[in-house]
C-alpha atoms as a PDB file:
ATOM      1  CA  MET A   1      -3.784 -22.015   0.781  1.00  0.00           C
ATOM      2  CA  ASN A   2      -1.510 -21.473  -1.987  1.00  0.00           C
ATOM      3  CA  TYR A   3       1.603 -19.821  -0.703  1.00  0.00           C
ATOM      4  CA  THR A   4       4.089 -18.804  -3.480  1.00  0.00           C
ATOM      5  CA  VAL A   5       7.103 -16.545  -3.820  1.00  0.00           C
ATOM      6  CA  PHE A   6       7.495 -14.741  -7.108  1.00  0.00           C
ATOM      7  CA  PRO A   7      10.764 -12.863  -7.989  1.00  0.00           C
ATOM      8  CA  ILE A   8      10.065  -9.262  -8.915  1.00  0.00           C
ATOM      9  CA  GLN A   9      12.879  -7.807 -11.097  1.00  0.00           C
ATOM     10  CA  VAL A  10      12.612  -4.403 -12.816  1.00  0.00           C
ATOM     11  CA  GLU A  11      15.258  -1.802 -13.680  1.00  0.00           C
ATOM     12  CA  GLY A  12      17.176  -1.164 -10.563  1.00  0.00           C
ATOM     13  CA  SER A  13      15.720  -4.053  -8.420  1.00  0.00           C
ATOM     14  CA  GLN A  14      17.662  -5.631  -5.551  1.00  0.00           C
ATOM     15  CA  PRO A  15      18.178  -9.432  -5.981  1.00  0.00           C
ATOM     16  CA  ASP A  16      15.736 -10.261  -3.237  1.00  0.00           C
ATOM     17  CA  ALA A  17      12.769  -8.170  -4.420  1.00  0.00           C
ATOM     18  CA  ARG A  18       9.890 -10.566  -4.326  1.00  0.00           C
ATOM     19  CA  LEU A  19       6.027 -11.001  -4.109  1.00  0.00           C
ATOM     20  CA  ILE A  20       4.620 -13.428  -1.636  1.00  0.00           C
ATOM     21  CA  THR A  21       1.170 -14.545  -2.285  1.00  0.00           C
ATOM     22  CA  TYR A  22      -1.396 -16.011   0.109  1.00  0.00           C
ATOM     23  CA  ILE A  23      -4.159 -17.264  -2.052  1.00  0.00           C
ATOM     24  CA  GLN A  24      -7.047 -19.085  -0.298  1.00  0.00           C
ATOM     25  CA  ASP A  25      -8.056 -22.448  -1.765  1.00  0.00           C
ATOM     26  CA  TYR A  26     -10.998 -22.473  -4.148  1.00  0.00           C
ATOM     27  CA  SER A  27     -13.780 -24.901  -3.454  1.00  0.00           C
ATOM     28  CA  ASP A  28     -16.921 -25.962  -5.434  1.00  0.00           C
ATOM     29  CA  SER A  29     -18.709 -26.348  -2.072  1.00  0.00           C
ATOM     30  CA  LEU A  30     -18.448 -22.606  -1.341  1.00  0.00           C
ATOM     31  CA  MET A  31     -20.685 -19.930  -2.815  1.00  0.00           C
ATOM     32  CA  LEU A  32     -17.687 -17.523  -2.874  1.00  0.00           C
ATOM     33  CA  ARG A  33     -16.137 -18.003  -6.224  1.00  0.00           C
ATOM     34  CA  GLU A  34     -13.759 -15.046  -6.279  1.00  0.00           C
ATOM     35  CA  ARG A  35     -12.232 -13.026  -3.605  1.00  0.00           C
ATOM     36  CA  PRO A  36     -10.804  -9.417  -3.450  1.00  0.00           C
ATOM     37  CA  LEU A  37      -7.036  -9.175  -2.814  1.00  0.00           C
ATOM     38  CA  VAL A  38      -5.029  -6.880  -0.493  1.00  0.00           C
ATOM     39  CA  LEU A  39      -1.444  -6.112  -1.677  1.00  0.00           C
ATOM     40  CA  LEU A  40       0.629  -4.999   1.334  1.00  0.00           C
ATOM     41  CA  CYS A  41       3.671  -2.844   1.197  1.00  0.00           C
ATOM     42  CA  PRO A  42       5.619  -2.961   4.556  1.00  0.00           C
ATOM     43  CA  GLY A  43       7.278   0.068   6.007  1.00  0.00           C
ATOM     44  CA  GLY A  44      10.834   0.559   6.894  1.00  0.00           C
ATOM     45  CA  GLY A  45      11.834   4.071   5.878  1.00  0.00           C
ATOM     46  CA  TYR A  46      12.922   2.708   2.347  1.00  0.00           C
ATOM     47  CA  ALA A  47      15.807   1.064   4.198  1.00  0.00           C
ATOM     48  CA  TYR A  48      14.168  -2.324   4.524  1.00  0.00           C
ATOM     49  CA  THR A  49      10.716  -3.940   4.586  1.00  0.00           C
ATOM     50  CA  SER A  50       9.460  -4.583   8.098  1.00  0.00           C
ATOM     51  CA  ASP A  51       8.611  -8.175   9.083  1.00  0.00           C
ATOM     52  CA  ARG A  52       6.050  -6.803  11.554  1.00  0.00           C
ATOM     53  CA  GLU A  53       4.054  -5.225   8.750  1.00  0.00           C
ATOM     54  CA  ALA A  54       4.115  -8.158   6.523  1.00  0.00           C
ATOM     55  CA  GLU A  55       2.900 -11.771   7.040  1.00  0.00           C
ATOM     56  CA  SER A  56       1.105 -11.131  10.464  1.00  0.00           C
ATOM     57  CA  MET A  57      -0.955  -8.376   8.863  1.00  0.00           C
ATOM     58  CA  ALA A  58      -1.540 -10.387   5.622  1.00  0.00           C
ATOM     59  CA  LEU A  59      -3.052 -13.149   7.776  1.00  0.00           C
ATOM     60  CA  GLN A  60      -5.518 -10.568   9.246  1.00  0.00           C
ATOM     61  CA  PHE A  61      -6.924  -9.978   5.798  1.00  0.00           C
ATOM     62  CA  LEU A  62      -6.968 -13.685   5.073  1.00  0.00           C
ATOM     63  CA  ALA A  63      -9.107 -14.122   8.173  1.00  0.00           C
ATOM     64  CA  MET A  64     -11.581 -11.502   6.745  1.00  0.00           C
ATOM     65  CA  GLY A  65     -11.944 -13.602   3.660  1.00  0.00           C
ATOM     66  CA  TYR A  66      -9.542 -11.826   1.312  1.00  0.00           C
ATOM     67  CA  HIS A  67      -6.574 -12.998  -0.653  1.00  0.00           C
ATOM     68  CA  ALA A  68      -3.403 -11.351   0.298  1.00  0.00           C
ATOM     69  CA  ALA A  69       0.078 -10.544  -1.143  1.00  0.00           C
ATOM     70  CA  VAL A  70       3.217  -8.951   0.429  1.00  0.00           C
ATOM     71  CA  LEU A  71       5.624  -7.039  -1.778  1.00  0.00           C
ATOM     72  CA  ARG A  72       9.173  -7.134  -0.531  1.00  0.00           C
ATOM     73  CA  TYR A  73      10.211  -4.120  -2.683  1.00  0.00           C
ATOM     74  CA  SER A  74      13.765  -2.903  -3.293  1.00  0.00           C
ATOM     75  CA  CYS A  75      15.024  -0.333  -0.773  1.00  0.00           C
ATOM     76  CA  ALA A  76      18.228   1.673  -0.590  1.00  0.00           C
ATOM     77  CA  PRO A  77      20.552   1.648  -2.362  1.00  0.00           C
ATOM     78  CA  SER A  78      17.827   1.267  -5.066  1.00  0.00           C
ATOM     79  CA  ARG A  79      16.215   4.660  -5.854  1.00  0.00           C
ATOM     80  CA  PHE A  80      12.996   6.077  -7.165  1.00  0.00           C
ATOM     81  CA  PRO A  81      11.110   4.879  -9.131  1.00  0.00           C
ATOM     82  CA  THR A  82      12.367   1.178  -8.714  1.00  0.00           C
ATOM     83  CA  ALA A  83       9.941   0.258  -5.895  1.00  0.00           C
ATOM     84  CA  LEU A  84       7.097   1.938  -7.759  1.00  0.00           C
ATOM     85  CA  LEU A  85       7.787  -0.080 -10.908  1.00  0.00           C
ATOM     86  CA  GLU A  86       7.845  -3.182  -8.684  1.00  0.00           C
ATOM     87  CA  VAL A  87       4.273  -2.413  -7.428  1.00  0.00           C
ATOM     88  CA  ALA A  88       3.236  -2.115 -11.031  1.00  0.00           C
ATOM     89  CA  ALA A  89       4.939  -5.593 -11.767  1.00  0.00           C
ATOM     90  CA  ALA A  90       3.163  -6.963  -8.780  1.00  0.00           C
ATOM     91  CA  VAL A  91      -0.262  -5.611  -9.738  1.00  0.00           C
ATOM     92  CA  LYS A  92       0.302  -6.894 -13.330  1.00  0.00           C
ATOM     93  CA  LEU A  93       1.126 -10.298 -12.127  1.00  0.00           C
ATOM     94  CA  ILE A  94      -1.847 -10.525  -9.818  1.00  0.00           C
ATOM     95  CA  ARG A  95      -4.332  -9.417 -12.510  1.00  0.00           C
ATOM     96  CA  GLU A  96      -2.877 -11.820 -15.087  1.00  0.00           C
ATOM     97  CA  HIS A  97      -3.342 -14.767 -12.720  1.00  0.00           C
ATOM     98  CA  GLY A  98      -6.693 -13.497 -11.566  1.00  0.00           C
ATOM     99  CA  GLU A  99      -8.684 -16.335 -13.095  1.00  0.00           C
ATOM    100  CA  GLN A 100      -6.219 -19.052 -12.003  1.00  0.00           C
ATOM    101  CA  TRP A 101      -6.179 -17.724  -8.407  1.00  0.00           C
ATOM    102  CA  HIS A 102      -9.966 -16.870  -8.247  1.00  0.00           C
ATOM    103  CA  VAL A 103      -9.123 -13.208  -7.624  1.00  0.00           C
ATOM    104  CA  ASP A 104     -11.800 -10.524  -8.210  1.00  0.00           C
ATOM    105  CA  THR A 105      -9.515  -8.301 -10.215  1.00  0.00           C
ATOM    106  CA  GLU A 106     -11.844  -5.448  -9.961  1.00  0.00           C
ATOM    107  CA  LYS A 107     -11.378  -5.391  -6.168  1.00  0.00           C
ATOM    108  CA  LEU A 108      -7.703  -4.935  -5.568  1.00  0.00           C
ATOM    109  CA  VAL A 109      -6.579  -2.882  -2.602  1.00  0.00           C
ATOM    110  CA  ILE A 110      -3.130  -1.445  -2.058  1.00  0.00           C
ATOM    111  CA  GLN A 111      -2.054  -1.314   1.483  1.00  0.00           C
ATOM    112  CA  GLY A 112       0.954   0.293   3.051  1.00  0.00           C
ATOM    113  CA  CYS A 113       2.569   1.233   6.470  1.00  0.00           C
ATOM    114  CA  SER A 114       4.847   4.154   6.974  1.00  0.00           C
ATOM    115  CA  ALA A 115       7.260   4.402   3.967  1.00  0.00           C
ATOM    116  CA  GLY A 116       5.351   1.439   2.559  1.00  0.00           C
ATOM    117  CA  GLY A 117       2.235   3.820   2.796  1.00  0.00           C
ATOM    118  CA  HIS A 118       4.219   6.355   0.793  1.00  0.00           C
ATOM    119  CA  LEU A 119       4.860   3.626  -1.882  1.00  0.00           C
ATOM    120  CA  ALA A 120       1.189   2.532  -1.888  1.00  0.00           C
ATOM    121  CA  ALA A 121      -0.042   6.107  -2.080  1.00  0.00           C
ATOM    122  CA  CYS A 122       2.474   6.963  -4.758  1.00  0.00           C
ATOM    123  CA  PHE A 123       1.180   4.129  -6.845  1.00  0.00           C
ATOM    124  CA  ALA A 124      -2.358   5.174  -6.313  1.00  0.00           C
ATOM    125  CA  MET A 125      -1.474   8.665  -7.791  1.00  0.00           C
ATOM    126  CA  PHE A 126       0.824   7.726 -10.533  1.00  0.00           C
ATOM    127  CA  TRP A 127      -0.551   4.449 -11.821  1.00  0.00           C
ATOM    128  CA  ASP A 128      -2.078   5.824 -14.923  1.00  0.00           C
ATOM    129  CA  GLN A 129       0.783   8.260 -15.919  1.00  0.00           C
ATOM    130  CA  ASP A 130       2.394   7.426 -19.219  1.00  0.00           C
ATOM    131  CA  TRP A 131       5.916   7.497 -17.820  1.00  0.00           C
ATOM    132  CA  LEU A 132       5.197   4.773 -15.257  1.00  0.00           C
ATOM    133  CA  ARG A 133       3.290   2.543 -17.730  1.00  0.00           C
ATOM    134  CA  GLU A 134       6.023   2.955 -20.309  1.00  0.00           C
ATOM    135  CA  ARG A 135       8.934   2.221 -17.994  1.00  0.00           C
ATOM    136  CA  GLY A 136       7.013  -0.798 -16.520  1.00  0.00           C
ATOM    137  CA  GLY A 137       6.598  -2.065 -20.079  1.00  0.00           C
ATOM    138  CA  ILE A 138       2.832  -2.027 -19.816  1.00  0.00           C
ATOM    139  CA  ALA A 139       1.496   0.837 -22.020  1.00  0.00           C
ATOM    140  CA  ALA A 140       1.352  -1.119 -25.245  1.00  0.00           C
ATOM    141  CA  GLU A 141      -0.575  -4.152 -23.782  1.00  0.00           C
ATOM    142  CA  ASP A 142      -3.070  -2.042 -21.786  1.00  0.00           C
ATOM    143  CA  PRO A 143      -4.640   0.560 -23.993  1.00  0.00           C
ATOM    144  CA  ALA A 144      -7.656   0.710 -21.867  1.00  0.00           C
ATOM    145  CA  HIS A 145      -5.719   1.652 -18.684  1.00  0.00           C
ATOM    146  CA  THR A 146      -7.242  -0.995 -16.508  1.00  0.00           C
ATOM    147  CA  LEU A 147      -4.383  -3.423 -15.766  1.00  0.00           C
ATOM    148  CA  LEU A 148      -2.731  -1.266 -13.074  1.00  0.00           C
ATOM    149  CA  ARG A 149      -5.843   0.586 -11.631  1.00  0.00           C
ATOM    150  CA  PRO A 150      -6.017   0.027  -7.874  1.00  0.00           C
ATOM    151  CA  ASN A 151      -9.623  -0.177  -6.464  1.00  0.00           C
ATOM    152  CA  GLY A 152      -8.809   0.872  -2.939  1.00  0.00           C
ATOM    153  CA  LEU A 153      -6.018   2.405  -0.808  1.00  0.00           C
ATOM    154  CA  LEU A 154      -5.512   1.565   2.773  1.00  0.00           C
ATOM    155  CA  LEU A 155      -2.688   3.432   4.731  1.00  0.00           C
ATOM    156  CA  CYS A 156      -1.365   3.003   8.150  1.00  0.00           C
ATOM    157  CA  TYR A 157       0.629   6.072   9.510  1.00  0.00           C
ATOM    158  CA  PRO A 158       1.956   6.819   6.086  1.00  0.00           C
ATOM    159  CA  VAL A 159       4.869   9.004   5.069  1.00  0.00           C
ATOM    160  CA  ILE A 160       3.350  11.549   2.657  1.00  0.00           C
ATOM    161  CA  THR A 161       5.047  14.974   2.625  1.00  0.00           C
ATOM    162  CA  SER A 162       8.595  15.949   1.780  1.00  0.00           C
ATOM    163  CA  GLY A 163       7.911  19.419   3.355  1.00  0.00           C
ATOM    164  CA  GLU A 164       7.929  20.740   6.920  1.00  0.00           C
ATOM    165  CA  PHE A 165       6.648  17.468   8.492  1.00  0.00           C
ATOM    166  CA  ALA A 166       8.706  15.002   6.407  1.00  0.00           C
ATOM    167  CA  HIS A 167      10.393  11.878   7.667  1.00  0.00           C
ATOM    168  CA  ARG A 168      13.663  12.927   6.121  1.00  0.00           C
ATOM    169  CA  GLY A 169      15.186   9.580   6.270  1.00  0.00           C
ATOM    170  CA  SER A 170      12.695   7.997   3.990  1.00  0.00           C
ATOM    171  CA  PHE A 171      13.263  10.627   1.296  1.00  0.00           C
ATOM    172  CA  GLU A 172      17.099  10.381   1.694  1.00  0.00           C
ATOM    173  CA  ASN A 173      16.779   6.542   1.057  1.00  0.00           C
ATOM    174  CA  LEU A 174      14.276   6.990  -1.750  1.00  0.00           C
ATOM    175  CA  LEU A 175      16.106   9.643  -3.719  1.00  0.00           C
ATOM    176  CA  GLY A 176      19.750   9.661  -2.595  1.00  0.00           C
ATOM    177  CA  ASP A 177      21.761  12.057  -4.884  1.00  0.00           C
ATOM    178  CA  LEU A 178      19.526  11.413  -8.005  1.00  0.00           C
ATOM    179  CA  PRO A 179      19.910  14.189 -10.580  1.00  0.00           C
ATOM    180  CA  GLY A 180      16.997  16.693 -10.188  1.00  0.00           C
ATOM    181  CA  ARG A 181      16.513  15.806  -6.581  1.00  0.00           C
ATOM    182  CA  ASP A 182      14.705  18.956  -5.698  1.00  0.00           C
ATOM    183  CA  GLU A 183      12.211  18.528  -8.470  1.00  0.00           C
ATOM    184  CA  LEU A 184      11.772  14.864  -7.467  1.00  0.00           C
ATOM    185  CA  LEU A 185      11.154  15.867  -3.801  1.00  0.00           C
ATOM    186  CA  GLU A 186       8.157  17.917  -5.064  1.00  0.00           C
ATOM    187  CA  LYS A 187       7.054  15.087  -7.186  1.00  0.00           C
ATOM    188  CA  VAL A 188       6.996  12.608  -4.357  1.00  0.00           C
ATOM    189  CA  SER A 189       5.431  15.033  -1.759  1.00  0.00           C
ATOM    190  CA  LEU A 190       2.118  13.318  -2.228  1.00  0.00           C
ATOM    191  CA  GLU A 191      -0.315  15.718  -0.810  1.00  0.00           C
ATOM    192  CA  LYS A 192       0.491  17.681  -3.961  1.00  0.00           C
ATOM    193  CA  GLN A 193      -0.135  14.798  -6.340  1.00  0.00           C
ATOM    194  CA  VAL A 194      -3.787  13.873  -5.522  1.00  0.00           C
ATOM    195  CA  ASN A 195      -5.956  13.607  -8.580  1.00  0.00           C
ATOM    196  CA  ASP A 196      -9.359  12.192  -9.742  1.00  0.00           C
ATOM    197  CA  ASN A 197      -7.885   8.658 -10.380  1.00  0.00           C
ATOM    198  CA  VAL A 198      -6.996   8.030  -6.751  1.00  0.00           C
ATOM    199  CA  PRO A 199      -9.314   5.250  -5.431  1.00  0.00           C
ATOM    200  CA  PRO A 200     -11.356   5.501  -2.191  1.00  0.00           C
ATOM    201  CA  THR A 201      -9.015   5.656   0.707  1.00  0.00           C
ATOM    202  CA  PHE A 202      -8.774   4.602   4.476  1.00  0.00           C
ATOM    203  CA  VAL A 203      -6.164   6.140   6.651  1.00  0.00           C
ATOM    204  CA  TRP A 204      -5.172   5.970  10.310  1.00  0.00           C
ATOM    205  CA  HIS A 205      -2.457   7.660  12.413  1.00  0.00           C
ATOM    206  CA  THR A 206      -1.639   8.554  15.924  1.00  0.00           C
ATOM    207  CA  TYR A 207      -1.519  12.010  17.504  1.00  0.00           C
ATOM    208  CA  GLU A 208       1.724  11.047  19.333  1.00  0.00           C
ATOM    209  CA  ASP A 209       3.632   9.750  16.341  1.00  0.00           C
ATOM    210  CA  ARG A 210       7.111  11.604  16.504  1.00  0.00           C
ATOM    211  CA  SER A 211       8.769   9.666  13.710  1.00  0.00           C
ATOM    212  CA  VAL A 212       6.154  10.409  11.047  1.00  0.00           C
ATOM    213  CA  PRO A 213       3.993  13.307  12.398  1.00  0.00           C
ATOM    214  CA  VAL A 214       0.237  12.949  11.891  1.00  0.00           C
ATOM    215  CA  GLU A 215       0.390  16.120   9.793  1.00  0.00           C
ATOM    216  CA  ASN A 216       1.379  13.651   6.998  1.00  0.00           C
ATOM    217  CA  SER A 217      -2.086  12.073   7.020  1.00  0.00           C
ATOM    218  CA  LEU A 218      -3.906  15.409   7.693  1.00  0.00           C
ATOM    219  CA  LEU A 219      -2.305  16.983   4.651  1.00  0.00           C
ATOM    220  CA  LEU A 220      -3.199  13.953   2.568  1.00  0.00           C
ATOM    221  CA  VAL A 221      -6.789  13.775   3.904  1.00  0.00           C
ATOM    222  CA  SER A 222      -7.283  17.464   3.222  1.00  0.00           C
ATOM    223  CA  ALA A 223      -6.052  17.018  -0.385  1.00  0.00           C
ATOM    224  CA  LEU A 224      -8.304  13.924  -0.836  1.00  0.00           C
ATOM    225  CA  ARG A 225     -11.215  15.926   0.437  1.00  0.00           C
ATOM    226  CA  ARG A 226     -10.584  18.762  -2.031  1.00  0.00           C
ATOM    227  CA  ALA A 227     -10.441  16.229  -4.893  1.00  0.00           C
ATOM    228  CA  GLY A 228     -13.698  14.584  -3.878  1.00  0.00           C
ATOM    229  CA  ILE A 229     -12.088  11.204  -3.129  1.00  0.00           C
ATOM    230  CA  LEU A 230     -14.119   9.225  -0.631  1.00  0.00           C
ATOM    231  CA  THR A 231     -11.982   8.923   2.415  1.00  0.00           C
ATOM    232  CA  GLU A 232     -12.215   7.437   6.059  1.00  0.00           C
ATOM    233  CA  PHE A 233      -9.724   8.875   8.503  1.00  0.00           C
ATOM    234  CA  HIS A 234      -8.901   7.869  12.106  1.00  0.00           C
ATOM    235  CA  MET A 235      -6.560   9.638  14.422  1.00  0.00           C
ATOM    236  CA  TYR A 236      -5.889   7.907  17.793  1.00  0.00           C
ATOM    237  CA  PRO A 237      -4.821  10.090  20.619  1.00  0.00           C
ATOM    238  CA  ARG A 238      -2.107   7.749  21.872  1.00  0.00           C
ATOM    239  CA  GLY A 239       0.519   5.531  20.307  1.00  0.00           C
ATOM    240  CA  GLY A 240       3.822   5.948  18.715  1.00  0.00           C
ATOM    241  CA  HIS A 241       5.038   5.025  15.153  1.00  0.00           C
ATOM    242  CA  GLY A 242       5.130   1.633  13.635  1.00  0.00           C
ATOM    243  CA  LEU A 243       2.426  -0.101  15.586  1.00  0.00           C
ATOM    244  CA  ALA A 244       1.346  -2.574  12.906  1.00  0.00           C
ATOM    245  CA  LEU A 245      -1.506  -4.468  14.425  1.00  0.00           C
ATOM    246  CA  ALA A 246      -0.814  -2.597  17.807  1.00  0.00           C
ATOM    247  CA  SER A 247      -1.389  -5.942  19.498  1.00  0.00           C
ATOM    248  CA  PRO A 248       0.914  -8.621  21.027  1.00  0.00           C
ATOM    249  CA  LEU A 249       0.989 -10.409  17.582  1.00  0.00           C
ATOM    250  CA  THR A 250       3.275  -7.545  16.227  1.00  0.00           C
ATOM    251  CA  GLN A 251       5.016  -6.277  19.375  1.00  0.00           C
ATOM    252  CA  THR A 252       8.710  -5.565  18.980  1.00  0.00           C
ATOM    253  CA  SER A 253      11.429  -7.875  20.533  1.00  0.00           C
ATOM    254  CA  ASP A 254      11.631  -5.456  23.457  1.00  0.00           C
ATOM    255  CA  GLY A 255       7.787  -5.677  24.015  1.00  0.00           C
ATOM    256  CA  ASN A 256       6.897  -2.229  22.499  1.00  0.00           C
ATOM    257  CA  CYS A 257       4.224  -1.299  20.028  1.00  0.00           C
ATOM    258  CA  ILE A 258       1.159  -2.582  21.907  1.00  0.00           C
ATOM    259  CA  GLN A 259      -1.505  -0.052  21.963  1.00  0.00           C
ATOM    260  CA  PRO A 260      -4.945  -1.567  22.645  1.00  0.00           C
ATOM    261  CA  GLU A 261      -7.019   1.278  21.537  1.00  0.00           C
ATOM    262  CA  CYS A 262      -5.354   1.436  18.281  1.00  0.00           C
ATOM    263  CA  ALA A 263      -5.739  -2.257  17.581  1.00  0.00           C
ATOM    264  CA  GLY A 264      -9.350  -1.549  16.655  1.00  0.00           C
ATOM    265  CA  TRP A 265      -8.162  -0.247  13.289  1.00  0.00           C
ATOM    266  CA  VAL A 266      -8.251  -3.706  11.779  1.00  0.00           C
ATOM    267  CA  ASN A 267     -12.049  -4.050  12.465  1.00  0.00           C
ATOM    268  CA  LEU A 268     -12.571  -0.451  11.195  1.00  0.00           C
ATOM    269  CA  ALA A 269     -10.695  -1.326   8.016  1.00  0.00           C
ATOM    270  CA  ARG A 270     -12.836  -4.522   7.598  1.00  0.00           C
ATOM    271  CA  THR A 271     -16.032  -2.401   7.791  1.00  0.00           C
ATOM    272  CA  TRP A 272     -14.518  -0.010   5.249  1.00  0.00           C
ATOM    273  CA  LEU A 273     -13.547  -2.755   2.864  1.00  0.00           C
ATOM    274  CA  GLU A 274     -17.068  -4.289   3.075  1.00  0.00           C
ATOM    275  CA  GLY A 275     -18.604  -1.043   2.375  1.00  0.00           C
ATOM    276  CA  LEU A 276     -16.197  -0.329  -0.517  1.00  0.00           C
ATOM    277  CA  PHE A 277     -17.055  -3.570  -2.234  1.00  0.00           C
ATOM    278  CA  SER A 278     -20.693  -3.791  -1.291  1.00  0.00           C
ATOM    279  CA  ALA A 279     -21.881  -3.302  -4.911  1.00  0.00           C
ATOM    280  CA  PRO A 280     -21.067  -6.413  -6.991  1.00  0.00           C
ATOM    281  CA  GLY A 281     -18.664  -5.956  -9.697  1.00  0.00           C
ATOM    282  CA  ARG A 282     -17.781  -2.283  -8.903  1.00  0.00           C
ATOM    283  CA  VAL A 283     -16.284   0.017  -6.409  1.00  0.00           C
ATOM    284  CA  ARG A 284     -18.349   2.744  -4.834  1.00  0.00           C
ATOM    285  CA  ARG A 285     -17.124   6.373  -5.462  1.00  0.00           C
END
């Protein structure tokens, strides 16, 4: 396996912003020539990036046969859209190395947990907008609008709305006292930003989540449905926030975040990914 750390630096980045890649070794003896890649955005309320939602989860996707990468994006005091520009830089880097790393560059999934889910979903909704491409220095070199396009979106208990059911801390860390904050709050309330260019989406959440209420996912899924975006959604009746794998592999230091019935999300996501990429060379819509 090729394990490499790449610094990711854009306007406003923190010094430790980086992309960690887990690229499976290529072998002439295997029929499999190229693999899809899952880019993970850990949660942490835009205050930090959670270790529990990083490498341990990346290894699960490796075990499924995918390449994986973890983006340790900039959090507070960095503000919007720094982390979003870092996702764009990471996607660009991955696609530029696609041939070298044997990545199927038409099968790139953006995954995120909690606030990382907000970041992943934000990218899935804004990737083709001129302001993002221009601020990321990508517009001139990508006239066909394909370099940044995500092929799938996989969300675990995501922060979505800045409205009634908002996780206020995430938006405080994301926006701070930026000029035009009220307008930006609307812009990053993602149930209002769903469009035709959002890729097929998988979402799971728990009914009992008191930190990021399940209404965040319900609002998103409803908007995806109205837009005709293929979506798979699972709501588990029990379990709090930040479960990660919901197994002993990602339990907290005090022994919490084990929820056996929720641990099945990994297998459900695997089935979803296999269906998503069942047609060679393209994504089903």
